[in-house]
Amino acid sequence: MGRLLAIAAAAALLIAPHGARADQVETDAQQALQSLKFQSGTIALGNNLASLTLTPNFQYLSPDDTKRFLVDVWRNPPDAAAGTLGSIVPAKTDLGGAEGWAIIISYDDSGHVSDDDAAGIDYDQLLKDMQKDTLDHNEDRKKQGYEPIELVGWAEPPHYDSQAKKLYWAKRLKFGGETGETLNYSIRALGRKGVLELTVVASMQQLATIDGRIDEVLGMVAFNPGSTYAEFSPGVDKAAEYGIAALIAGGILAKAGFFKFLLAGLAAFWKPIAIGGVVFFGAIGKFIGRLFGRRQS
């Protein structure tokens, strides 16, 4: 991280992507942030799929505003925001600053996930299996020009509420030769035909804050009548080909989610995220990568 901080300290002298000065990038991000329309109260998600009942501690951004937020404020490529149902953000928080974090909402319609295996999962063994699989796939990642990933351990071990049909867990990850760790915090709500995916975009330093709000977040999310878990009809509705254990493992094996890399000072707006286990840095990532002498695809 020392090299990151040294670069941030000299950021005023750097030229940002697309020929713009770094201070102009910050100005553009501030303007984009001010243009966002924050919503409160009860929010409909999807086509009558589910609802958010927001507490005063949180606000909602529509899919369009979520894209503007991720792309124009946190400087991610446009495809990073594809297919979202919007996002939940903490109220009265500087989202453009180091304390900013968000929960990106999406829906996986691959089928009804059975929780029959939930009570018998050995989460310590599951972690070991996930760590091995992650290491086994690193050679393929490097051949494709991407950094290897290390699954360090649980930042928060999995918790499953069999009554509410909701699940959450968090992983500690390292990318390449970085000494710092990245937080990957996942929340899932099981429904009749699929899973609502809430992926927290935050730094490891914000883990305690998120853990302190997790029950509040879980309570805000609910499937609407017609889409609830209890309404699954065997033989009529599609069943997923995996259970709770694979749903958790898939967070690193198939869909690693969103990660935020916090840079100090001026670089606070440069927050690339990762999808599918591969980091897509976009223009700003390539810019920073060249400064580090790294290879970017």
C-alpha atoms as a PDB file:
ATOM      1  CA  MET A   1       0.000   0.000   0.000  1.00  0.00           C
ATOM      2  CA  GLY A   2       2.967   2.311   0.413  1.00  0.00           C
ATOM      3  CA  ARG A   3       3.235   2.735  -3.334  1.00  0.00           C
ATOM      4  CA  LEU A   4      -0.454   3.586  -3.533  1.00  0.00           C
ATOM      5  CA  LEU A   5      -0.108   6.250  -0.883  1.00  0.00           C
ATOM      6  CA  ALA A   6       2.951   7.728  -2.558  1.00  0.00           C
ATOM      7  CA  ILE A   7       1.072   8.004  -5.821  1.00  0.00           C
ATOM      8  CA  ALA A   8      -1.942   9.563  -4.096  1.00  0.00           C
ATOM      9  CA  ALA A   9       0.279  12.145  -2.436  1.00  0.00           C
ATOM     10  CA  ALA A  10       1.514  13.239  -5.855  1.00  0.00           C
ATOM     11  CA  ALA A  11      -1.919  12.949  -7.479  1.00  0.00           C
ATOM     12  CA  ALA A  12      -2.230  16.662  -8.228  1.00  0.00           C
ATOM     13  CA  LEU A  13       0.585  16.284 -10.723  1.00  0.00           C
ATOM     14  CA  LEU A  14      -0.874  13.269 -12.493  1.00  0.00           C
ATOM     15  CA  ILE A  15      -2.917  13.228 -15.648  1.00  0.00           C
ATOM     16  CA  ALA A  16      -6.099  11.153 -15.339  1.00  0.00           C
ATOM     17  CA  PRO A  17      -7.592   8.904 -18.057  1.00  0.00           C
ATOM     18  CA  HIS A  18      -8.910  10.387 -21.291  1.00  0.00           C
ATOM     19  CA  GLY A  19      -6.531  13.338 -21.002  1.00  0.00           C
ATOM     20  CA  ALA A  20      -8.321  14.992 -18.079  1.00  0.00           C
ATOM     21  CA  ARG A  21      -6.389  16.327 -15.116  1.00  0.00           C
ATOM     22  CA  ALA A  22      -6.899  14.437 -11.876  1.00  0.00           C
ATOM     23  CA  ASP A  23      -8.555  17.447 -10.230  1.00  0.00           C
ATOM     24  CA  GLN A  24     -11.075  17.538 -13.083  1.00  0.00           C
ATOM     25  CA  VAL A  25     -11.853  13.853 -12.495  1.00  0.00           C
ATOM     26  CA  GLU A  26     -12.638  14.692  -8.872  1.00  0.00           C
ATOM     27  CA  THR A  27     -14.830  17.634  -9.900  1.00  0.00           C
ATOM     28  CA  ASP A  28     -16.761  15.475 -12.371  1.00  0.00           C
ATOM     29  CA  ALA A  29     -17.276  12.825  -9.707  1.00  0.00           C
ATOM     30  CA  GLN A  30     -18.582  15.407  -7.235  1.00  0.00           C
ATOM     31  CA  GLN A  31     -21.032  16.725  -9.822  1.00  0.00           C
ATOM     32  CA  ALA A  32     -22.225  13.205 -10.611  1.00  0.00           C
ATOM     33  CA  LEU A  33     -22.707  12.532  -6.903  1.00  0.00           C
ATOM     34  CA  GLN A  34     -24.783  15.691  -6.484  1.00  0.00           C
ATOM     35  CA  SER A  35     -27.020  14.658  -9.414  1.00  0.00           C
ATOM     36  CA  LEU A  36     -28.125  11.396  -7.780  1.00  0.00           C
ATOM     37  CA  LYS A  37     -31.747  11.095  -6.645  1.00  0.00           C
ATOM     38  CA  PHE A  38     -31.848   9.408  -3.257  1.00  0.00           C
ATOM     39  CA  GLN A  39     -35.119   7.679  -2.382  1.00  0.00           C
ATOM     40  CA  SER A  40     -36.558   6.629   0.969  1.00  0.00           C
ATOM     41  CA  GLY A  41     -39.550   4.689   2.266  1.00  0.00           C
ATOM     42  CA  THR A  42     -40.790   1.541   0.540  1.00  0.00           C
ATOM     43  CA  ILE A  43     -39.185   0.682  -2.808  1.00  0.00           C
ATOM     44  CA  ALA A  44     -40.448  -1.857  -5.369  1.00  0.00           C
ATOM     45  CA  LEU A  45     -37.743  -4.074  -6.844  1.00  0.00           C
ATOM     46  CA  GLY A  46     -38.093  -5.659 -10.258  1.00  0.00           C
ATOM     47  CA  ASN A  47     -41.499  -6.469 -11.720  1.00  0.00           C
ATOM     48  CA  ASN A  48     -43.319  -6.830  -8.379  1.00  0.00           C
ATOM     49  CA  LEU A  49     -40.563  -9.240  -7.344  1.00  0.00           C
ATOM     50  CA  ALA A  50     -39.613  -7.843  -3.954  1.00  0.00           C
ATOM     51  CA  SER A  51     -39.732  -4.753  -1.778  1.00  0.00           C
ATOM     52  CA  LEU A  52     -37.320  -2.701   0.283  1.00  0.00           C
ATOM     53  CA  THR A  53     -38.653  -1.060   3.408  1.00  0.00           C
ATOM     54  CA  LEU A  54     -35.884   1.405   4.160  1.00  0.00           C
ATOM     55  CA  THR A  55     -35.098   2.552   7.671  1.00  0.00           C
ATOM     56  CA  PRO A  56     -34.017   6.190   8.207  1.00  0.00           C
ATOM     57  CA  ASN A  57     -30.393   4.994   8.186  1.00  0.00           C
ATOM     58  CA  PHE A  58     -30.505   4.041   4.505  1.00  0.00           C
ATOM     59  CA  GLN A  59     -31.509   5.370   1.099  1.00  0.00           C
ATOM     60  CA  TYR A  60     -32.062   3.802  -2.310  1.00  0.00           C
ATOM     61  CA  LEU A  61     -30.619   4.530  -5.738  1.00  0.00           C
ATOM     62  CA  SER A  62     -32.465   3.394  -8.860  1.00  0.00           C
ATOM     63  CA  PRO A  63     -30.678   1.182 -11.428  1.00  0.00           C
ATOM     64  CA  ASP A  64     -29.890   4.252 -13.547  1.00  0.00           C
ATOM     65  CA  ASP A  65     -28.561   6.204 -10.563  1.00  0.00           C
ATOM     66  CA  THR A  66     -26.634   3.148  -9.401  1.00  0.00           C
ATOM     67  CA  LYS A  67     -24.918   2.996 -12.786  1.00  0.00           C
ATOM     68  CA  ARG A  68     -24.120   6.715 -12.595  1.00  0.00           C
ATOM     69  CA  PHE A  69     -22.782   6.219  -9.078  1.00  0.00           C
ATOM     70  CA  LEU A  70     -20.568   3.241  -9.915  1.00  0.00           C
ATOM     71  CA  VAL A  71     -19.337   4.588 -13.234  1.00  0.00           C
ATOM     72  CA  ASP A  72     -19.134   8.364 -12.785  1.00  0.00           C
ATOM     73  CA  VAL A  73     -18.376   8.568  -9.063  1.00  0.00           C
ATOM     74  CA  TRP A  74     -16.443   5.371  -8.313  1.00  0.00           C
ATOM     75  CA  ARG A  75     -14.921   5.290 -11.838  1.00  0.00           C
ATOM     76  CA  ASN A  76     -15.904   1.777 -12.942  1.00  0.00           C
ATOM     77  CA  PRO A  77     -16.542   0.577 -16.510  1.00  0.00           C
ATOM     78  CA  PRO A  78     -20.206   0.732 -17.626  1.00  0.00           C
ATOM     79  CA  ASP A  79     -20.691  -3.038 -17.633  1.00  0.00           C
ATOM     80  CA  ALA A  80     -19.942  -3.133 -13.900  1.00  0.00           C
ATOM     81  CA  ALA A  81     -23.487  -1.872 -13.245  1.00  0.00           C
ATOM     82  CA  ALA A  82     -25.277  -4.096 -15.745  1.00  0.00           C
ATOM     83  CA  GLY A  83     -28.390  -5.864 -14.547  1.00  0.00           C
ATOM     84  CA  THR A  84     -28.685  -4.322 -11.106  1.00  0.00           C
ATOM     85  CA  LEU A  85     -31.993  -3.666  -9.355  1.00  0.00           C
ATOM     86  CA  GLY A  86     -30.471  -0.581  -7.783  1.00  0.00           C
ATOM     87  CA  SER A  87     -28.490  -0.076  -4.602  1.00  0.00           C
ATOM     88  CA  ILE A  88     -28.821   0.694  -0.908  1.00  0.00           C
ATOM     89  CA  VAL A  89     -26.535   3.370   0.516  1.00  0.00           C
ATOM     90  CA  PRO A  90     -26.076   4.664   4.063  1.00  0.00           C
ATOM     91  CA  ALA A  91     -27.753   7.991   4.739  1.00  0.00           C
ATOM     92  CA  LYS A  92     -25.770  11.001   5.924  1.00  0.00           C
ATOM     93  CA  THR A  93     -22.526   9.507   4.617  1.00  0.00           C
ATOM     94  CA  ASP A  94     -20.031  10.991   2.162  1.00  0.00           C
ATOM     95  CA  LEU A  95     -20.308   8.323  -0.519  1.00  0.00           C
ATOM     96  CA  GLY A  96     -17.400   9.844  -2.410  1.00  0.00           C
ATOM     97  CA  GLY A  97     -15.102   9.697   0.604  1.00  0.00           C
ATOM     98  CA  ALA A  98     -13.185   6.895   2.250  1.00  0.00           C
ATOM     99  CA  GLU A  99     -16.162   6.133   4.540  1.00  0.00           C
ATOM    100  CA  GLY A 100     -18.528   5.603   1.602  1.00  0.00           C
ATOM    101  CA  TRP A 101     -19.992   2.158   1.018  1.00  0.00           C
ATOM    102  CA  ALA A 102     -22.964   0.659  -0.785  1.00  0.00           C
ATOM    103  CA  ILE A 103     -25.027  -2.505  -1.237  1.00  0.00           C
ATOM    104  CA  ILE A 104     -25.593  -3.471  -4.872  1.00  0.00           C
ATOM    105  CA  ILE A 105     -28.834  -5.390  -5.496  1.00  0.00           C
ATOM    106  CA  SER A 106     -29.333  -7.976  -8.230  1.00  0.00           C
ATOM    107  CA  TYR A 107     -31.468 -11.057  -8.840  1.00  0.00           C
ATOM    108  CA  ASP A 108     -30.364 -14.533  -9.883  1.00  0.00           C
ATOM    109  CA  ASP A 109     -33.270 -16.350 -11.531  1.00  0.00           C
ATOM    110  CA  SER A 110     -31.468 -19.689 -11.911  1.00  0.00           C
ATOM    111  CA  GLY A 111     -34.076 -21.405  -9.755  1.00  0.00           C
ATOM    112  CA  HIS A 112     -35.338 -22.225  -6.274  1.00  0.00           C
ATOM    113  CA  VAL A 113     -32.436 -23.024  -3.942  1.00  0.00           C
ATOM    114  CA  SER A 114     -33.109 -25.894  -1.559  1.00  0.00           C
ATOM    115  CA  ASP A 115     -31.865 -25.340   1.988  1.00  0.00           C
ATOM    116  CA  ASP A 116     -31.991 -29.030   2.928  1.00  0.00           C
ATOM    117  CA  ASP A 117     -28.209 -29.078   3.366  1.00  0.00           C
ATOM    118  CA  ALA A 118     -28.027 -25.962   5.557  1.00  0.00           C
ATOM    119  CA  ALA A 119     -28.042 -27.615   8.978  1.00  0.00           C
ATOM    120  CA  GLY A 120     -25.260 -30.052   8.089  1.00  0.00           C
ATOM    121  CA  ILE A 121     -22.702 -27.704   6.529  1.00  0.00           C
ATOM    122  CA  ASP A 122     -19.216 -27.751   8.055  1.00  0.00           C
ATOM    123  CA  TYR A 123     -18.190 -24.162   7.332  1.00  0.00           C
ATOM    124  CA  ASP A 124     -14.564 -24.756   8.333  1.00  0.00           C
ATOM    125  CA  GLN A 125     -14.265 -27.542   5.764  1.00  0.00           C
ATOM    126  CA  LEU A 126     -16.170 -25.497   3.183  1.00  0.00           C
ATOM    127  CA  LEU A 127     -13.644 -22.696   3.627  1.00  0.00           C
ATOM    128  CA  LYS A 128     -10.738 -25.111   3.095  1.00  0.00           C
ATOM    129  CA  ASP A 129     -12.370 -26.429  -0.081  1.00  0.00           C
ATOM    130  CA  MET A 130     -12.928 -22.890  -1.363  1.00  0.00           C
ATOM    131  CA  GLN A 131      -9.346 -21.905  -0.578  1.00  0.00           C
ATOM    132  CA  LYS A 132      -8.006 -24.905  -2.492  1.00  0.00           C
ATOM    133  CA  ASP A 133     -10.245 -24.251  -5.482  1.00  0.00           C
ATOM    134  CA  THR A 134      -9.199 -20.602  -5.542  1.00  0.00           C
ATOM    135  CA  LEU A 135      -5.515 -21.546  -5.578  1.00  0.00           C
ATOM    136  CA  ASP A 136      -6.118 -24.215  -8.230  1.00  0.00           C
ATOM    137  CA  HIS A 137      -7.608 -21.625 -10.584  1.00  0.00           C
ATOM    138  CA  ASN A 138      -4.888 -19.015 -10.119  1.00  0.00           C
ATOM    139  CA  GLU A 139      -2.745 -20.363 -12.940  1.00  0.00           C
ATOM    140  CA  ASP A 140      -5.655 -19.910 -15.337  1.00  0.00           C
ATOM    141  CA  ARG A 141      -6.179 -16.372 -14.042  1.00  0.00           C
ATOM    142  CA  LYS A 142      -2.525 -15.490 -14.578  1.00  0.00           C
ATOM    143  CA  LYS A 143      -2.550 -16.952 -18.104  1.00  0.00           C
ATOM    144  CA  GLN A 144      -5.464 -14.644 -18.906  1.00  0.00           C
ATOM    145  CA  GLY A 145      -3.496 -11.649 -17.620  1.00  0.00           C
ATOM    146  CA  TYR A 146      -5.252 -11.287 -14.279  1.00  0.00           C
ATOM    147  CA  GLU A 147      -3.877 -11.214 -10.778  1.00  0.00           C
ATOM    148  CA  PRO A 148      -4.048 -14.346  -8.612  1.00  0.00           C
ATOM    149  CA  ILE A 149      -6.522 -14.336  -5.734  1.00  0.00           C
ATOM    150  CA  GLU A 150      -5.977 -15.670  -2.235  1.00  0.00           C
ATOM    151  CA  LEU A 151      -8.981 -16.489  -0.068  1.00  0.00           C
ATOM    152  CA  VAL A 152      -7.494 -15.628   3.329  1.00  0.00           C
ATOM    153  CA  GLY A 153     -10.472 -16.698   5.414  1.00  0.00           C
ATOM    154  CA  TRP A 154     -13.868 -15.702   6.723  1.00  0.00           C
ATOM    155  CA  ALA A 155     -14.273 -12.071   7.682  1.00  0.00           C
ATOM    156  CA  GLU A 156     -17.678 -13.186   8.958  1.00  0.00           C
ATOM    157  CA  PRO A 157     -18.599 -16.898   8.852  1.00  0.00           C
ATOM    158  CA  PRO A 158     -21.862 -17.831   7.150  1.00  0.00           C
ATOM    159  CA  HIS A 159     -25.100 -17.312   9.054  1.00  0.00           C
ATOM    160  CA  TYR A 160     -28.363 -18.801   7.764  1.00  0.00           C
ATOM    161  CA  ASP A 161     -31.816 -17.951   9.120  1.00  0.00           C
ATOM    162  CA  SER A 162     -33.969 -20.947   8.189  1.00  0.00           C
ATOM    163  CA  GLN A 163     -37.175 -19.106   9.082  1.00  0.00           C
ATOM    164  CA  ALA A 164     -36.512 -15.912   7.124  1.00  0.00           C
ATOM    165  CA  LYS A 165     -34.636 -17.820   4.369  1.00  0.00           C
ATOM    166  CA  LYS A 166     -31.817 -15.289   4.457  1.00  0.00           C
ATOM    167  CA  LEU A 167     -28.082 -15.847   4.475  1.00  0.00           C
ATOM    168  CA  TYR A 168     -24.960 -13.729   4.870  1.00  0.00           C
ATOM    169  CA  TRP A 169     -21.216 -14.230   5.005  1.00  0.00           C
ATOM    170  CA  ALA A 170     -18.023 -12.289   4.348  1.00  0.00           C
ATOM    171  CA  LYS A 171     -14.630 -13.273   2.962  1.00  0.00           C
ATOM    172  CA  ARG A 172     -11.140 -11.822   3.308  1.00  0.00           C
ATOM    173  CA  LEU A 173      -9.352 -11.729  -0.042  1.00  0.00           C
ATOM    174  CA  LYS A 174      -5.937 -10.706  -1.326  1.00  0.00           C
ATOM    175  CA  PHE A 175      -5.177  -9.833  -4.932  1.00  0.00           C
ATOM    176  CA  GLY A 176      -1.745 -10.373  -6.456  1.00  0.00           C
ATOM    177  CA  GLY A 177       1.092  -9.099  -4.323  1.00  0.00           C
ATOM    178  CA  GLU A 178      -0.999  -6.623  -2.333  1.00  0.00           C
ATOM    179  CA  THR A 179      -0.374  -6.690   1.412  1.00  0.00           C
ATOM    180  CA  GLY A 180      -3.800  -5.274   2.253  1.00  0.00           C
ATOM    181  CA  GLU A 181      -6.971  -7.353   2.271  1.00  0.00           C
ATOM    182  CA  THR A 182     -10.206  -6.820   0.375  1.00  0.00           C
ATOM    183  CA  LEU A 183     -13.619  -7.388   1.954  1.00  0.00           C
ATOM    184  CA  ASN A 184     -16.211  -9.412   0.048  1.00  0.00           C
ATOM    185  CA  TYR A 185     -19.496  -9.268   2.009  1.00  0.00           C
ATOM    186  CA  SER A 186     -22.505 -11.133   0.611  1.00  0.00           C
ATOM    187  CA  ILE A 187     -26.178 -11.181   1.606  1.00  0.00           C
ATOM    188  CA  ARG A 188     -28.726 -13.524   0.018  1.00  0.00           C
ATOM    189  CA  ALA A 189     -32.513 -13.795   0.317  1.00  0.00           C
ATOM    190  CA  LEU A 190     -34.028 -17.019  -1.054  1.00  0.00           C
ATOM    191  CA  GLY A 191     -37.221 -16.827  -3.067  1.00  0.00           C
ATOM    192  CA  ARG A 192     -39.626 -18.977  -5.008  1.00  0.00           C
ATOM    193  CA  LYS A 193     -37.725 -18.913  -8.298  1.00  0.00           C
ATOM    194  CA  GLY A 194     -34.361 -17.414  -7.461  1.00  0.00           C
ATOM    195  CA  VAL A 195     -32.168 -15.456  -5.097  1.00  0.00           C
ATOM    196  CA  LEU A 196     -31.930 -11.771  -4.300  1.00  0.00           C
ATOM    197  CA  GLU A 197     -28.228 -10.921  -4.158  1.00  0.00           C
ATOM    198  CA  LEU A 198     -27.095  -7.999  -2.028  1.00  0.00           C
ATOM    199  CA  THR A 199     -23.369  -7.422  -2.358  1.00  0.00           C
ATOM    200  CA  VAL A 200     -21.724  -4.968  -0.019  1.00  0.00           C
ATOM    201  CA  VAL A 201     -19.079  -2.742  -1.603  1.00  0.00           C
ATOM    202  CA  ALA A 202     -16.861  -1.695   1.300  1.00  0.00           C
ATOM    203  CA  SER A 203     -13.363  -1.789   2.719  1.00  0.00           C
ATOM    204  CA  MET A 204     -12.090  -4.143   5.400  1.00  0.00           C
ATOM    205  CA  GLN A 205     -12.023  -1.188   7.799  1.00  0.00           C
ATOM    206  CA  GLN A 206     -15.816  -0.943   7.502  1.00  0.00           C
ATOM    207  CA  LEU A 207     -16.477  -4.540   8.549  1.00  0.00           C
ATOM    208  CA  ALA A 208     -17.546  -3.604  12.094  1.00  0.00           C
ATOM    209  CA  THR A 209     -19.943  -0.950  10.758  1.00  0.00           C
ATOM    210  CA  ILE A 210     -21.560  -3.429   8.376  1.00  0.00           C
ATOM    211  CA  ASP A 211     -21.782  -6.169  10.992  1.00  0.00           C
ATOM    212  CA  GLY A 212     -23.521  -3.679  13.268  1.00  0.00           C
ATOM    213  CA  ARG A 213     -26.141  -2.964  10.598  1.00  0.00           C
ATOM    214  CA  ILE A 214     -26.591  -6.452   9.126  1.00  0.00           C
ATOM    215  CA  ASP A 215     -29.820  -7.290  11.007  1.00  0.00           C
ATOM    216  CA  GLU A 216     -31.245  -3.938   9.959  1.00  0.00           C
ATOM    217  CA  VAL A 217     -30.377  -4.599   6.305  1.00  0.00           C
ATOM    218  CA  LEU A 218     -31.794  -8.133   6.408  1.00  0.00           C
ATOM    219  CA  GLY A 219     -35.048  -6.799   7.827  1.00  0.00           C
ATOM    220  CA  MET A 220     -35.501  -4.308   4.995  1.00  0.00           C
ATOM    221  CA  VAL A 221     -35.636  -6.935   2.226  1.00  0.00           C
ATOM    222  CA  ALA A 222     -38.641  -9.146   1.444  1.00  0.00           C
ATOM    223  CA  PHE A 223     -40.055 -10.992  -1.543  1.00  0.00           C
ATOM    224  CA  ASN A 224     -43.571  -9.968  -2.500  1.00  0.00           C
ATOM    225  CA  PRO A 225     -46.525 -12.409  -2.434  1.00  0.00           C
ATOM    226  CA  GLY A 226     -46.218 -14.735  -5.393  1.00  0.00           C
ATOM    227  CA  SER A 227     -42.424 -14.824  -5.171  1.00  0.00           C
ATOM    228  CA  THR A 228     -41.816 -16.010  -1.602  1.00  0.00           C
ATOM    229  CA  TYR A 229     -39.815 -19.127  -0.755  1.00  0.00           C
ATOM    230  CA  ALA A 230     -42.856 -20.907   0.709  1.00  0.00           C
ATOM    231  CA  GLU A 231     -44.750 -20.585  -2.582  1.00  0.00           C
ATOM    232  CA  PHE A 232     -42.330 -22.810  -4.511  1.00  0.00           C
ATOM    233  CA  SER A 233     -44.252 -25.416  -6.510  1.00  0.00           C
ATOM    234  CA  PRO A 234     -42.226 -28.588  -7.226  1.00  0.00           C
ATOM    235  CA  GLY A 235     -42.641 -29.774 -10.789  1.00  0.00           C
ATOM    236  CA  VAL A 236     -43.900 -26.364 -11.838  1.00  0.00           C
ATOM    237  CA  ASP A 237     -41.166 -23.967 -10.751  1.00  0.00           C
ATOM    238  CA  LYS A 238     -37.544 -24.429 -11.749  1.00  0.00           C
ATOM    239  CA  ALA A 239     -35.256 -25.810  -9.039  1.00  0.00           C
ATOM    240  CA  ALA A 240     -31.638 -24.682  -8.814  1.00  0.00           C
ATOM    241  CA  GLU A 241     -29.001 -27.375  -9.178  1.00  0.00           C
ATOM    242  CA  TYR A 242     -27.268 -26.396  -5.947  1.00  0.00           C
ATOM    243  CA  GLY A 243     -27.952 -25.789  -2.269  1.00  0.00           C
ATOM    244  CA  ILE A 244     -26.744 -23.436   0.449  1.00  0.00           C
ATOM    245  CA  ALA A 245     -23.142 -24.702   0.501  1.00  0.00           C
ATOM    246  CA  ALA A 246     -22.707 -24.219  -3.237  1.00  0.00           C
ATOM    247  CA  LEU A 247     -24.429 -20.837  -3.046  1.00  0.00           C
ATOM    248  CA  ILE A 248     -21.734 -19.713  -0.610  1.00  0.00           C
ATOM    249  CA  ALA A 249     -18.902 -21.344  -2.556  1.00  0.00           C
ATOM    250  CA  GLY A 250     -20.184 -19.783  -5.752  1.00  0.00           C
ATOM    251  CA  GLY A 251     -19.428 -16.383  -4.272  1.00  0.00           C
ATOM    252  CA  ILE A 252     -15.741 -17.031  -4.976  1.00  0.00           C
ATOM    253  CA  LEU A 253     -15.885 -19.717  -7.652  1.00  0.00           C
ATOM    254  CA  ALA A 254     -18.456 -18.265 -10.014  1.00  0.00           C
ATOM    255  CA  LYS A 255     -19.513 -14.777  -9.047  1.00  0.00           C
ATOM    256  CA  ALA A 256     -17.001 -13.066  -6.768  1.00  0.00           C
ATOM    257  CA  GLY A 257     -19.108  -9.927  -6.462  1.00  0.00           C
ATOM    258  CA  PHE A 258     -18.057  -6.342  -6.028  1.00  0.00           C
ATOM    259  CA  PHE A 259     -14.907  -5.126  -4.355  1.00  0.00           C
ATOM    260  CA  LYS A 260     -13.849  -1.599  -3.605  1.00  0.00           C
ATOM    261  CA  PHE A 261     -10.174  -0.658  -3.588  1.00  0.00           C
ATOM    262  CA  LEU A 262      -9.794   2.498  -1.526  1.00  0.00           C
ATOM    263  CA  LEU A 263      -7.008   4.844  -2.571  1.00  0.00           C
ATOM    264  CA  ALA A 264      -5.983   7.728  -0.339  1.00  0.00           C
ATOM    265  CA  GLY A 265      -6.482  11.432  -0.983  1.00  0.00           C
ATOM    266  CA  LEU A 266      -7.514  12.423  -4.477  1.00  0.00           C
ATOM    267  CA  ALA A 267      -7.827   8.810  -5.514  1.00  0.00           C
ATOM    268  CA  ALA A 268     -10.816   8.325  -3.197  1.00  0.00           C
ATOM    269  CA  PHE A 269     -13.100   8.375  -6.233  1.00  0.00           C
ATOM    270  CA  TRP A 270     -11.170   5.637  -8.029  1.00  0.00           C
ATOM    271  CA  LYS A 271     -12.896   2.537  -6.704  1.00  0.00           C
ATOM    272  CA  PRO A 272     -12.746  -0.301  -9.220  1.00  0.00           C
ATOM    273  CA  ILE A 273     -14.928  -3.312  -8.563  1.00  0.00           C
ATOM    274  CA  ALA A 274     -14.663  -6.936  -9.597  1.00  0.00           C
ATOM    275  CA  ILE A 275     -17.201  -9.191 -11.273  1.00  0.00           C
ATOM    276  CA  GLY A 276     -16.918 -12.925 -11.836  1.00  0.00           C
ATOM    277  CA  GLY A 277     -13.723 -13.275  -9.845  1.00  0.00           C
ATOM    278  CA  VAL A 278     -11.772 -11.094 -12.264  1.00  0.00           C
ATOM    279  CA  VAL A 279     -10.815  -7.498 -11.627  1.00  0.00           C
ATOM    280  CA  PHE A 280     -11.976  -5.126 -14.359  1.00  0.00           C
ATOM    281  CA  PHE A 281     -10.140  -1.904 -13.670  1.00  0.00           C
ATOM    282  CA  GLY A 282     -11.229   0.047 -16.744  1.00  0.00           C
ATOM    283  CA  ALA A 283      -9.263   3.076 -17.883  1.00  0.00           C
ATOM    284  CA  ILE A 284      -8.277   4.253 -14.417  1.00  0.00           C
ATOM    285  CA  GLY A 285      -7.099   0.786 -13.474  1.00  0.00           C
ATOM    286  CA  LYS A 286      -4.886   0.605 -16.530  1.00  0.00           C
ATOM    287  CA  PHE A 287      -3.565   4.051 -15.694  1.00  0.00           C
ATOM    288  CA  ILE A 288      -2.649   3.021 -12.155  1.00  0.00           C
ATOM    289  CA  GLY A 289      -1.384  -0.318 -13.431  1.00  0.00           C
ATOM    290  CA  ARG A 290       1.100   1.383 -15.745  1.00  0.00           C
ATOM    291  CA  LEU A 291       2.401   3.396 -12.798  1.00  0.00           C
ATOM    292  CA  PHE A 292       2.989   0.137 -10.914  1.00  0.00           C
ATOM    293  CA  GLY A 293       4.524  -1.506 -13.958  1.00  0.00           C
ATOM    294  CA  ARG A 294       1.754  -4.088 -13.935  1.00  0.00           C
ATOM    295  CA  ARG A 295       0.327  -5.829 -16.925  1.00  0.00           C
ATOM    296  CA  GLN A 296      -3.348  -5.037 -17.601  1.00  0.00           C
ATOM    297  CA  SER A 297      -5.434  -6.807 -20.166  1.00  0.00           C
END
